Amino acid sequence: MQSMIRNIQERDREEVLCMMRTFYASDAVWSNGSDEIFAADVDACLSDSPYLEGYVFEDDGVLQGYAMVAKSFSTEFGKPCMWLEDIYVAPEFRDRGIGSAFMSFIQNKYPDAIFRLEVEPENERAVHVYEKCGFVVIPYMEMKK
């Protein structure tokens, strides 16, 4: 099975929203989100927003997962920063290299950027994929308001 990575399209909306509900209700994510937030995220991915890009992983018309990348600039590193916000692969498609393929895809798309992400330490499968792709833990405390 070969996955294709492409931008989220309007026809994907309901299926991506369903995957987002599943992802945000899982132990892999600290917050639960809401339908309003999920809809705003998909809307931003479908618009010409300079801040958010959305992708789906697809094989023969079957959506296997999705990802969202938020774009910013890191003054700490002096270059663009891509926040890998959501990376979700449906359970029946895991262990097929889809997550690693997406990491390679996005790093090739933005070769001069720094990449950051958050992961729950208990999500050992994801931690393993990220480490395999060259990510390391940084000793920061995140705060929000």
N, C-alpha and C. Protein backbone atom coordinates (compact mmCIF):
# COMPACT_ATOMS: atom_id res chain seq x y z
N MET A 1 0.85 -1.18 0.00
CA MET A 1 0.00 0.00 0.00
C MET A 1 0.89 1.24 0.00
N GLN A 2 0.72 2.12 -0.96
CA GLN A 2 1.53 3.33 -1.09
C GLN A 2 0.69 4.55 -0.79
N SER A 3 1.08 5.31 0.21
CA SER A 3 0.35 6.51 0.57
C SER A 3 0.80 7.70 -0.26
N MET A 4 -0.17 8.53 -0.61
CA MET A 4 0.12 9.80 -1.26
C MET A 4 -0.15 10.88 -0.21
N ILE A 5 0.72 11.87 -0.15
CA ILE A 5 0.53 13.01 0.74
C ILE A 5 0.08 14.17 -0.13
N ARG A 6 -1.06 14.76 0.23
CA ARG A 6 -1.58 15.89 -0.54
C ARG A 6 -2.26 16.87 0.41
N ASN A 7 -2.50 18.09 -0.09
CA ASN A 7 -3.19 19.09 0.70
C ASN A 7 -4.62 18.67 0.98
N ILE A 8 -5.11 19.04 2.16
CA ILE A 8 -6.51 18.82 2.49
C ILE A 8 -7.38 19.58 1.49
N GLN A 9 -8.43 18.95 1.04
CA GLN A 9 -9.39 19.57 0.12
C GLN A 9 -10.77 19.57 0.78
N GLU A 10 -11.66 20.37 0.24
CA GLU A 10 -13.01 20.49 0.80
C GLU A 10 -13.68 19.13 0.92
N ARG A 11 -13.47 18.27 -0.05
CA ARG A 11 -14.11 16.95 -0.02
C ARG A 11 -13.64 16.09 1.16
N ASP A 12 -12.51 16.46 1.79
CA ASP A 12 -11.96 15.72 2.92
C ASP A 12 -12.50 16.20 4.26
N ARG A 13 -13.21 17.33 4.27
CA ARG A 13 -13.58 18.02 5.51
C ARG A 13 -14.17 17.07 6.56
N GLU A 14 -15.25 16.39 6.26
CA GLU A 14 -15.95 15.59 7.27
C GLU A 14 -15.08 14.45 7.80
N GLU A 15 -14.33 13.82 6.91
CA GLU A 15 -13.48 12.72 7.35
C GLU A 15 -12.32 13.22 8.21
N VAL A 16 -11.74 14.36 7.85
CA VAL A 16 -10.66 14.94 8.66
C VAL A 16 -11.22 15.36 10.01
N LEU A 17 -12.39 15.98 10.04
CA LEU A 17 -13.00 16.36 11.32
C LEU A 17 -13.22 15.14 12.21
N CYS A 18 -13.65 14.06 11.63
CA CYS A 18 -13.85 12.81 12.38
C CYS A 18 -12.52 12.32 12.94
N MET A 19 -11.47 12.36 12.13
CA MET A 19 -10.15 11.93 12.60
C MET A 19 -9.64 12.86 13.71
N MET A 20 -9.92 14.15 13.58
CA MET A 20 -9.50 15.10 14.61
C MET A 20 -10.19 14.79 15.93
N ARG A 21 -11.48 14.49 15.89
CA ARG A 21 -12.21 14.14 17.12
C ARG A 21 -11.58 12.90 17.78
N THR A 22 -11.24 11.93 16.98
CA THR A 22 -10.62 10.71 17.50
C THR A 22 -9.25 11.02 18.09
N PHE A 23 -8.44 11.76 17.36
CA PHE A 23 -7.09 12.11 17.80
C PHE A 23 -7.13 12.90 19.11
N TYR A 24 -7.96 13.93 19.18
CA TYR A 24 -8.00 14.79 20.36
C TYR A 24 -8.67 14.13 21.56
N ALA A 25 -9.41 13.06 21.35
CA ALA A 25 -10.01 12.31 22.46
C ALA A 25 -9.06 11.23 22.98
N SER A 26 -7.93 11.03 22.30
CA SER A 26 -6.99 9.97 22.68
C SER A 26 -6.00 10.46 23.73
N ASP A 27 -5.23 9.52 24.25
CA ASP A 27 -4.18 9.85 25.21
C ASP A 27 -2.99 10.55 24.57
N ALA A 28 -2.97 10.61 23.23
CA ALA A 28 -1.84 11.21 22.52
C ALA A 28 -1.84 12.73 22.61
N VAL A 29 -2.97 13.31 23.03
CA VAL A 29 -3.11 14.76 23.06
C VAL A 29 -3.55 15.20 24.45
N TRP A 30 -2.96 16.26 24.94
CA TRP A 30 -3.25 16.76 26.28
C TRP A 30 -4.62 17.42 26.36
N SER A 31 -5.02 18.18 25.32
CA SER A 31 -6.31 18.89 25.36
C SER A 31 -7.33 18.15 24.50
N ASN A 32 -8.60 18.41 24.76
CA ASN A 32 -9.66 17.72 24.03
C ASN A 32 -10.14 18.47 22.80
N GLY A 33 -9.82 19.76 22.67
CA GLY A 33 -10.30 20.53 21.53
C GLY A 33 -11.82 20.64 21.54
N SER A 34 -12.37 21.09 20.43
CA SER A 34 -13.82 21.22 20.30
C SER A 34 -14.16 21.24 18.82
N ASP A 35 -15.41 20.97 18.50
CA ASP A 35 -15.83 21.01 17.10
C ASP A 35 -15.59 22.38 16.49
N GLU A 36 -15.75 23.44 17.29
CA GLU A 36 -15.51 24.80 16.77
C GLU A 36 -14.04 24.99 16.41
N ILE A 37 -13.16 24.52 17.28
CA ILE A 37 -11.72 24.63 16.99
C ILE A 37 -11.35 23.77 15.79
N PHE A 38 -11.84 22.55 15.74
CA PHE A 38 -11.52 21.66 14.62
C PHE A 38 -11.98 22.28 13.30
N ALA A 39 -13.20 22.84 13.29
CA ALA A 39 -13.72 23.46 12.06
C ALA A 39 -12.87 24.66 11.66
N ALA A 40 -12.45 25.46 12.64
CA ALA A 40 -11.60 26.62 12.34
C ALA A 40 -10.26 26.16 11.78
N ASP A 41 -9.71 25.08 12.31
CA ASP A 41 -8.44 24.55 11.81
C ASP A 41 -8.58 24.10 10.35
N VAL A 42 -9.63 23.35 10.05
CA VAL A 42 -9.83 22.89 8.68
C VAL A 42 -10.09 24.08 7.76
N ASP A 43 -10.88 25.04 8.22
CA ASP A 43 -11.12 26.24 7.42
C ASP A 43 -9.81 26.94 7.07
N ALA A 44 -8.91 27.05 8.06
CA ALA A 44 -7.62 27.71 7.81
C ALA A 44 -6.79 26.91 6.81
N CYS A 45 -6.85 25.59 6.90
CA CYS A 45 -6.11 24.75 5.95
C CYS A 45 -6.64 24.91 4.53
N LEU A 46 -7.94 25.12 4.40
CA LEU A 46 -8.56 25.25 3.08
C LEU A 46 -8.45 26.66 2.51
N SER A 47 -8.13 27.62 3.36
CA SER A 47 -8.02 29.01 2.91
C SER A 47 -6.58 29.29 2.47
N ASP A 48 -6.32 30.54 2.20
CA ASP A 48 -4.95 30.94 1.85
C ASP A 48 -4.21 31.44 3.09
N SER A 49 -4.52 30.88 4.23
CA SER A 49 -3.87 31.28 5.48
C SER A 49 -2.35 31.11 5.37
N PRO A 50 -1.60 32.13 5.76
CA PRO A 50 -0.14 31.98 5.74
C PRO A 50 0.38 31.21 6.95
N TYR A 51 -0.53 30.85 7.88
CA TYR A 51 -0.11 30.26 9.14
C TYR A 51 -0.27 28.75 9.24
N LEU A 52 -1.19 28.16 8.49
CA LEU A 52 -1.48 26.75 8.68
C LEU A 52 -1.64 26.03 7.35
N GLU A 53 -1.03 24.87 7.27
CA GLU A 53 -1.17 23.98 6.11
C GLU A 53 -1.71 22.65 6.62
N GLY A 54 -2.58 22.05 5.82
CA GLY A 54 -3.13 20.75 6.19
C GLY A 54 -2.90 19.73 5.09
N TYR A 55 -2.63 18.52 5.49
CA TYR A 55 -2.34 17.43 4.56
C TYR A 55 -3.15 16.20 4.94
N VAL A 56 -3.41 15.36 3.95
CA VAL A 56 -3.98 14.04 4.20
C VAL A 56 -3.06 12.99 3.61
N PHE A 57 -3.14 11.80 4.18
CA PHE A 57 -2.42 10.63 3.67
C PHE A 57 -3.50 9.76 3.05
N GLU A 58 -3.31 9.42 1.79
CA GLU A 58 -4.37 8.75 1.04
C GLU A 58 -3.78 7.63 0.19
N ASP A 59 -4.54 6.55 0.07
CA ASP A 59 -4.19 5.48 -0.85
C ASP A 59 -5.46 5.01 -1.54
N ASP A 60 -5.50 5.12 -2.84
CA ASP A 60 -6.62 4.65 -3.65
C ASP A 60 -7.96 5.20 -3.13
N GLY A 61 -7.97 6.49 -2.81
CA GLY A 61 -9.19 7.15 -2.37
C GLY A 61 -9.52 6.97 -0.90
N VAL A 62 -8.72 6.20 -0.16
CA VAL A 62 -8.96 5.96 1.26
C VAL A 62 -8.05 6.89 2.07
N LEU A 63 -8.65 7.72 2.93
CA LEU A 63 -7.84 8.58 3.80
C LEU A 63 -7.32 7.75 4.96
N GLN A 64 -6.01 7.82 5.16
CA GLN A 64 -5.34 7.03 6.19
C GLN A 64 -5.00 7.88 7.41
N GLY A 65 -5.01 9.20 7.25
CA GLY A 65 -4.66 10.09 8.33
C GLY A 65 -4.53 11.51 7.82
N TYR A 66 -4.08 12.38 8.70
CA TYR A 66 -3.92 13.79 8.34
C TYR A 66 -2.79 14.40 9.17
N ALA A 67 -2.35 15.58 8.74
CA ALA A 67 -1.35 16.35 9.49
C ALA A 67 -1.61 17.83 9.28
N MET A 68 -1.24 18.63 10.27
CA MET A 68 -1.32 20.09 10.16
C MET A 68 -0.01 20.69 10.61
N VAL A 69 0.44 21.69 9.86
CA VAL A 69 1.72 22.34 10.11
C VAL A 69 1.49 23.84 10.26
N ALA A 70 1.84 24.38 11.43
CA ALA A 70 1.72 25.82 11.68
C ALA A 70 3.08 26.46 11.43
N LYS A 71 3.07 27.58 10.71
CA LYS A 71 4.31 28.24 10.31
C LYS A 71 4.56 29.49 11.15
N SER A 72 5.80 29.65 11.59
CA SER A 72 6.20 30.84 12.33
C SER A 72 7.68 31.11 12.04
N PHE A 73 8.28 31.98 12.83
CA PHE A 73 9.71 32.28 12.70
C PHE A 73 10.34 32.12 14.07
N SER A 74 11.47 31.46 14.14
CA SER A 74 12.18 31.27 15.40
C SER A 74 13.31 32.29 15.52
N THR A 75 13.15 33.22 16.45
CA THR A 75 14.24 34.16 16.70
C THR A 75 15.40 33.47 17.40
N GLU A 76 15.11 32.38 18.09
CA GLU A 76 16.15 31.61 18.76
C GLU A 76 17.11 30.98 17.76
N PHE A 77 16.58 30.54 16.61
CA PHE A 77 17.40 29.88 15.60
C PHE A 77 17.59 30.72 14.35
N GLY A 78 16.89 31.87 14.24
CA GLY A 78 17.06 32.76 13.11
C GLY A 78 16.58 32.22 11.78
N LYS A 79 15.51 31.43 11.83
CA LYS A 79 14.96 30.88 10.58
C LYS A 79 13.51 30.48 10.78
N PRO A 80 12.84 30.16 9.67
CA PRO A 80 11.44 29.73 9.79
C PRO A 80 11.32 28.51 10.71
N CYS A 81 10.19 28.45 11.39
CA CYS A 81 9.90 27.35 12.30
C CYS A 81 8.58 26.72 11.89
N MET A 82 8.61 25.44 11.68
CA MET A 82 7.41 24.68 11.32
C MET A 82 7.01 23.85 12.55
N TRP A 83 5.84 24.16 13.08
CA TRP A 83 5.30 23.40 14.20
C TRP A 83 4.44 22.28 13.65
N LEU A 84 4.84 21.05 13.90
CA LEU A 84 4.06 19.90 13.46
C LEU A 84 2.96 19.71 14.51
N GLU A 85 1.83 20.33 14.25
CA GLU A 85 0.74 20.41 15.22
C GLU A 85 0.00 19.09 15.39
N ASP A 86 -0.46 18.54 14.32
CA ASP A 86 -1.21 17.28 14.37
C ASP A 86 -0.58 16.32 13.36
N ILE A 87 -0.32 15.12 13.80
CA ILE A 87 0.05 14.03 12.90
C ILE A 87 -0.75 12.84 13.38
N TYR A 88 -1.72 12.43 12.58
CA TYR A 88 -2.60 11.33 12.98
C TYR A 88 -2.66 10.31 11.85
N VAL A 89 -2.43 9.07 12.21
CA VAL A 89 -2.58 7.95 11.28
C VAL A 89 -3.60 7.01 11.92
N ALA A 90 -4.65 6.67 11.17
CA ALA A 90 -5.68 5.77 11.68
C ALA A 90 -5.05 4.45 12.10
N PRO A 91 -5.55 3.83 13.17
CA PRO A 91 -4.93 2.62 13.72
C PRO A 91 -4.68 1.51 12.69
N GLU A 92 -5.59 1.32 11.78
CA GLU A 92 -5.42 0.23 10.81
C GLU A 92 -4.33 0.49 9.78
N PHE A 93 -3.77 1.72 9.77
CA PHE A 93 -2.72 2.05 8.80
C PHE A 93 -1.38 2.33 9.48
N ARG A 94 -1.30 2.12 10.78
CA ARG A 94 -0.05 2.37 11.50
C ARG A 94 0.98 1.28 11.19
N ASP A 95 2.22 1.60 11.47
CA ASP A 95 3.36 0.68 11.23
C ASP A 95 3.58 0.41 9.75
N ARG A 96 3.22 1.36 8.91
CA ARG A 96 3.45 1.24 7.47
C ARG A 96 4.37 2.35 6.95
N GLY A 97 4.95 3.13 7.87
CA GLY A 97 5.88 4.17 7.46
C GLY A 97 5.23 5.47 7.04
N ILE A 98 3.93 5.63 7.28
CA ILE A 98 3.24 6.85 6.85
C ILE A 98 3.75 8.07 7.61
N GLY A 99 3.90 7.95 8.93
CA GLY A 99 4.41 9.08 9.72
C GLY A 99 5.82 9.47 9.29
N SER A 100 6.68 8.50 9.11
CA SER A 100 8.05 8.78 8.66
C SER A 100 8.06 9.40 7.27
N ALA A 101 7.18 8.92 6.40
CA ALA A 101 7.10 9.50 5.04
C ALA A 101 6.67 10.96 5.11
N PHE A 102 5.72 11.27 6.01
CA PHE A 102 5.30 12.67 6.14
C PHE A 102 6.44 13.53 6.66
N MET A 103 7.19 13.02 7.64
CA MET A 103 8.31 13.79 8.19
C MET A 103 9.33 14.09 7.09
N SER A 104 9.62 13.14 6.26
CA SER A 104 10.54 13.34 5.16
C SER A 104 9.98 14.35 4.16
N PHE A 105 8.70 14.21 3.84
CA PHE A 105 8.03 15.12 2.91
C PHE A 105 8.11 16.57 3.38
N ILE A 106 7.76 16.82 4.64
CA ILE A 106 7.69 18.20 5.12
C ILE A 106 9.09 18.78 5.31
N GLN A 107 10.05 17.95 5.69
CA GLN A 107 11.42 18.45 5.82
C GLN A 107 12.03 18.75 4.46
N ASN A 108 11.66 18.01 3.44
CA ASN A 108 12.11 18.32 2.09
C ASN A 108 11.43 19.58 1.54
N LYS A 109 10.19 19.80 1.93
CA LYS A 109 9.46 20.99 1.47
C LYS A 109 10.06 22.26 2.09
N TYR A 110 10.52 22.17 3.34
CA TYR A 110 11.08 23.32 4.05
C TYR A 110 12.49 22.98 4.55
N PRO A 111 13.46 22.84 3.64
CA PRO A 111 14.79 22.37 4.05
C PRO A 111 15.56 23.32 4.95
N ASP A 112 15.20 24.60 4.95
CA ASP A 112 15.94 25.57 5.78
C ASP A 112 15.23 25.91 7.08
N ALA A 113 14.18 25.18 7.42
CA ALA A 113 13.39 25.47 8.62
C ALA A 113 13.83 24.61 9.80
N ILE A 114 13.49 25.10 10.98
CA ILE A 114 13.60 24.30 12.19
C ILE A 114 12.22 23.66 12.39
N PHE A 115 12.18 22.45 12.87
CA PHE A 115 10.92 21.75 13.08
C PHE A 115 10.73 21.48 14.56
N ARG A 116 9.52 21.75 15.04
CA ARG A 116 9.20 21.52 16.45
C ARG A 116 7.88 20.78 16.52
N LEU A 117 7.72 20.06 17.62
CA LEU A 117 6.47 19.37 17.86
C LEU A 117 6.34 19.08 19.35
N GLU A 118 5.14 18.75 19.74
CA GLU A 118 4.87 18.31 21.10
C GLU A 118 4.39 16.87 21.03
N VAL A 119 4.77 16.09 22.03
CA VAL A 119 4.33 14.71 22.08
C VAL A 119 4.18 14.31 23.54
N GLU A 120 3.15 13.56 23.84
CA GLU A 120 2.98 13.01 25.19
C GLU A 120 4.02 11.91 25.38
N PRO A 121 4.77 11.94 26.48
CA PRO A 121 5.81 10.93 26.69
C PRO A 121 5.27 9.49 26.64
N GLU A 122 4.01 9.31 27.02
CA GLU A 122 3.41 7.98 27.01
C GLU A 122 3.15 7.46 25.60
N ASN A 123 3.16 8.35 24.61
CA ASN A 123 2.91 7.96 23.22
C ASN A 123 4.21 7.42 22.63
N GLU A 124 4.63 6.27 23.12
CA GLU A 124 5.94 5.72 22.79
C GLU A 124 6.11 5.45 21.30
N ARG A 125 5.06 5.04 20.63
CA ARG A 125 5.14 4.78 19.18
C ARG A 125 5.53 6.07 18.45
N ALA A 126 4.85 7.18 18.78
CA ALA A 126 5.15 8.45 18.12
C ALA A 126 6.55 8.94 18.49
N VAL A 127 6.91 8.83 19.77
CA VAL A 127 8.25 9.24 20.20
C VAL A 127 9.31 8.50 19.40
N HIS A 128 9.12 7.21 19.21
CA HIS A 128 10.08 6.40 18.44
C HIS A 128 10.20 6.92 17.01
N VAL A 129 9.08 7.20 16.37
CA VAL A 129 9.10 7.72 14.99
C VAL A 129 9.84 9.05 14.95
N TYR A 130 9.53 9.95 15.88
CA TYR A 130 10.16 11.27 15.87
C TYR A 130 11.67 11.16 16.11
N GLU A 131 12.07 10.31 17.04
CA GLU A 131 13.51 10.14 17.29
C GLU A 131 14.19 9.55 16.06
N LYS A 132 13.54 8.61 15.41
CA LYS A 132 14.10 8.01 14.19
C LYS A 132 14.27 9.06 13.10
N CYS A 133 13.43 10.09 13.13
CA CYS A 133 13.50 11.17 12.13
C CYS A 133 14.42 12.30 12.56
N GLY A 134 15.14 12.13 13.68
CA GLY A 134 16.15 13.09 14.10
C GLY A 134 15.71 14.09 15.15
N PHE A 135 14.51 13.98 15.68
CA PHE A 135 14.05 14.90 16.72
C PHE A 135 14.67 14.52 18.06
N VAL A 136 14.94 15.54 18.88
CA VAL A 136 15.46 15.33 20.23
C VAL A 136 14.60 16.13 21.20
N VAL A 137 14.58 15.69 22.44
CA VAL A 137 13.83 16.39 23.48
C VAL A 137 14.59 17.67 23.84
N ILE A 138 13.83 18.77 23.96
CA ILE A 138 14.44 20.03 24.41
C ILE A 138 13.86 20.37 25.79
N PRO A 139 14.70 20.92 26.66
CA PRO A 139 14.28 21.14 28.05
C PRO A 139 13.52 22.46 28.24
N TYR A 140 12.36 22.56 27.64
CA TYR A 140 11.56 23.77 27.79
C TYR A 140 10.29 23.46 28.55
N MET A 141 9.83 24.44 29.29
CA MET A 141 8.51 24.38 29.86
C MET A 141 7.63 25.25 28.98
N GLU A 142 6.55 24.71 28.52
CA GLU A 142 5.65 25.48 27.68
C GLU A 142 4.60 26.15 28.56
N MET A 143 4.26 27.39 28.22
CA MET A 143 3.24 28.13 28.96
C MET A 143 2.23 28.67 27.95
N LYS A 144 1.01 28.91 28.39
CA LYS A 144 0.00 29.50 27.52
C LYS A 144 -0.89 30.40 28.34
N LYS A 145 -1.60 31.25 27.66
CA LYS A 145 -2.55 32.13 28.32
C LYS A 145 -3.84 32.10 27.54
